[in-house]
C-alpha atoms as a PDB file:
ATOM      1  CA  MET A   1      39.544  35.102   5.281  1.00  0.00           C
ATOM      2  CA  PRO A   2      36.679  36.465   3.122  1.00  0.00           C
ATOM      3  CA  ALA A   3      37.718  34.170   0.269  1.00  0.00           C
ATOM      4  CA  ALA A   4      37.582  31.132   2.582  1.00  0.00           C
ATOM      5  CA  ALA A   5      34.159  32.183   3.858  1.00  0.00           C
ATOM      6  CA  LEU A   6      32.878  32.605   0.298  1.00  0.00           C
ATOM      7  CA  SER A   7      34.294  29.200  -0.644  1.00  0.00           C
ATOM      8  CA  VAL A   8      32.529  27.528   2.292  1.00  0.00           C
ATOM      9  CA  MET A   9      29.274  29.339   1.509  1.00  0.00           C
ATOM     10  CA  GLY A  10      29.589  28.384  -2.162  1.00  0.00           C
ATOM     11  CA  PHE A  11      30.151  24.741  -1.251  1.00  0.00           C
ATOM     12  CA  PHE A  12      27.095  24.616   0.995  1.00  0.00           C
ATOM     13  CA  GLY A  13      25.019  26.525  -1.575  1.00  0.00           C
ATOM     14  CA  ALA A  14      25.973  24.083  -4.312  1.00  0.00           C
ATOM     15  CA  TYR A  15      25.240  21.142  -2.010  1.00  0.00           C
ATOM     16  CA  ALA A  16      21.814  22.624  -1.193  1.00  0.00           C
ATOM     17  CA  VAL A  17      20.997  22.601  -4.903  1.00  0.00           C
ATOM     18  CA  THR A  18      22.682  19.411  -6.156  1.00  0.00           C
ATOM     19  CA  GLY A  19      23.053  17.300  -3.004  1.00  0.00           C
ATOM     20  CA  SER A  20      21.141  14.150  -2.146  1.00  0.00           C
ATOM     21  CA  ASN A  21      18.519  16.230  -0.297  1.00  0.00           C
ATOM     22  CA  GLY A  22      18.802  19.281  -2.543  1.00  0.00           C
ATOM     23  CA  ILE A  23      16.414  21.008  -4.865  1.00  0.00           C
ATOM     24  CA  PHE A  24      17.149  18.657  -7.765  1.00  0.00           C
ATOM     25  CA  ALA A  25      16.129  15.674  -5.601  1.00  0.00           C
ATOM     26  CA  LEU A  26      12.691  17.211  -4.980  1.00  0.00           C
ATOM     27  CA  GLY A  27      11.264  15.687  -8.188  1.00  0.00           C
ATOM     28  CA  ASP A  28      12.426  12.233  -7.152  1.00  0.00           C
ATOM     29  CA  TYR A  29      10.834  12.687  -3.741  1.00  0.00           C
ATOM     30  CA  LYS A  30       7.539  13.676  -5.367  1.00  0.00           C
ATOM     31  CA  GLN A  31       7.641  10.537  -7.532  1.00  0.00           C
ATOM     32  CA  GLN A  32       8.300   8.397  -4.474  1.00  0.00           C
ATOM     33  CA  ILE A  33       5.407  10.033  -2.633  1.00  0.00           C
ATOM     34  CA  ALA A  34       3.071   9.363  -5.566  1.00  0.00           C
ATOM     35  CA  ALA A  35       4.177   5.714  -5.697  1.00  0.00           C
ATOM     36  CA  HIS A  36       3.672   5.300  -1.957  1.00  0.00           C
ATOM     37  CA  GLU A  37       0.227   6.896  -2.173  1.00  0.00           C
ATOM     38  CA  ARG A  38      -0.775   4.427  -4.924  1.00  0.00           C
ATOM     39  CA  GLN A  39       0.506   1.558  -2.793  1.00  0.00           C
ATOM     40  CA  TYR A  40      -1.404   2.915   0.200  1.00  0.00           C
ATOM     41  CA  GLN A  41      -4.630   3.044  -1.834  1.00  0.00           C
ATOM     42  CA  GLN A  42      -4.189  -0.599  -2.885  1.00  0.00           C
ATOM     43  CA  LEU A  43      -3.508  -1.668   0.691  1.00  0.00           C
ATOM     44  CA  ASP A  44      -6.484   0.337   1.931  1.00  0.00           C
ATOM     45  CA  GLN A  45      -8.773  -1.420  -0.578  1.00  0.00           C
ATOM     46  CA  GLN A  46      -7.380  -4.795   0.478  1.00  0.00           C
ATOM     47  CA  ARG A  47      -7.898  -3.895   4.141  1.00  0.00           C
ATOM     48  CA  THR A  48     -11.509  -2.921   3.435  1.00  0.00           C
ATOM     49  CA  MET A  49     -12.109  -6.230   1.666  1.00  0.00           C
ATOM     50  CA  LEU A  50     -10.552  -8.203   4.517  1.00  0.00           C
ATOM     51  CA  ARG A  51     -12.521  -6.224   7.108  1.00  0.00           C
ATOM     52  CA  ASN A  52     -15.716  -7.127   5.233  1.00  0.00           C
ATOM     53  CA  ARG A  53     -14.801 -10.826   5.157  1.00  0.00           C
ATOM     54  CA  VAL A  54     -14.015 -10.779   8.871  1.00  0.00           C
ATOM     55  CA  ALA A  55     -17.385  -9.179   9.553  1.00  0.00           C
ATOM     56  CA  LEU A  56     -19.068 -11.897   7.485  1.00  0.00           C
ATOM     57  CA  LEU A  57     -17.294 -14.585   9.547  1.00  0.00           C
ATOM     58  CA  ASP A  58     -18.316 -13.169  12.933  1.00  0.00           C
ATOM     59  CA  PRO A  59     -19.217 -16.223  15.098  1.00  0.00           C
ATOM     60  CA  ARG A  60     -22.395 -14.544  16.399  1.00  0.00           C
ATOM     61  CA  HIS A  61     -23.928 -14.170  12.934  1.00  0.00           C
ATOM     62  CA  ALA A  62     -21.751 -15.742  10.263  1.00  0.00           C
ATOM     63  CA  ASN A  63     -22.776 -15.513   6.635  1.00  0.00           C
ATOM     64  CA  PRO A  64     -23.796 -19.074   5.689  1.00  0.00           C
ATOM     65  CA  ASP A  65     -22.718 -18.690   2.059  1.00  0.00           C
ATOM     66  CA  LEU A  66     -19.198 -17.573   2.958  1.00  0.00           C
ATOM     67  CA  VAL A  67     -18.879 -20.297   5.592  1.00  0.00           C
ATOM     68  CA  ASP A  68     -20.010 -22.891   3.059  1.00  0.00           C
ATOM     69  CA  GLU A  69     -17.512 -21.605   0.507  1.00  0.00           C
ATOM     70  CA  LEU A  70     -14.612 -21.703   2.975  1.00  0.00           C
ATOM     71  CA  VAL A  71     -15.497 -25.155   4.308  1.00  0.00           C
ATOM     72  CA  ARG A  72     -15.780 -26.605   0.832  1.00  0.00           C
ATOM     73  CA  LYS A  73     -12.447 -25.035  -0.151  1.00  0.00           C
ATOM     74  CA  GLU A  74     -10.629 -26.262   2.983  1.00  0.00           C
ATOM     75  CA  LEU A  75     -12.041 -29.792   2.727  1.00  0.00           C
ATOM     76  CA  ASN A  76     -11.364 -29.958  -1.021  1.00  0.00           C
ATOM     77  CA  VAL A  77     -15.016 -30.674  -1.737  1.00  0.00           C
ATOM     78  CA  ALA A  78     -15.297 -27.983  -4.420  1.00  0.00           C
ATOM     79  CA  HIS A  79     -13.907 -28.568  -7.865  1.00  0.00           C
ATOM     80  CA  PRO A  80     -11.446 -25.998  -9.252  1.00  0.00           C
ATOM     81  CA  ASP A  81     -13.879 -25.020 -12.035  1.00  0.00           C
ATOM     82  CA  GLU A  82     -16.868 -24.779  -9.712  1.00  0.00           C
ATOM     83  CA  VAL A  83     -18.375 -21.365  -9.145  1.00  0.00           C
ATOM     84  CA  ILE A  84     -20.183 -20.657  -5.888  1.00  0.00           C
ATOM     85  CA  ILE A  85     -23.015 -18.178  -6.353  1.00  0.00           C
ATOM     86  CA  PRO A  86     -24.482 -16.645  -3.208  1.00  0.00           C
ATOM     87  CA  LEU A  87     -28.285 -16.628  -3.139  1.00  0.00           C
ATOM     88  CA  LYS A  88     -28.549 -13.326  -1.344  1.00  0.00           C
END
């Protein structure tokens, strides 16, 4: 009986170290966390940019330069090499 108990404890101990959620997998989890944090930072920057554009397109006080740019782009009035420079 003690040998069986030691065998079971040894199995679970080895699995705790080398298993898919064991100590050796900790490095991989840290790499995944770092990658997800970088992706989150990129998405957060994109969200900030989009939030700014939405604020500029608010119907109560829309930015005339941005509205002009979007209208010209949607109506194909602007040339592909044309650069729109805001005055303010």
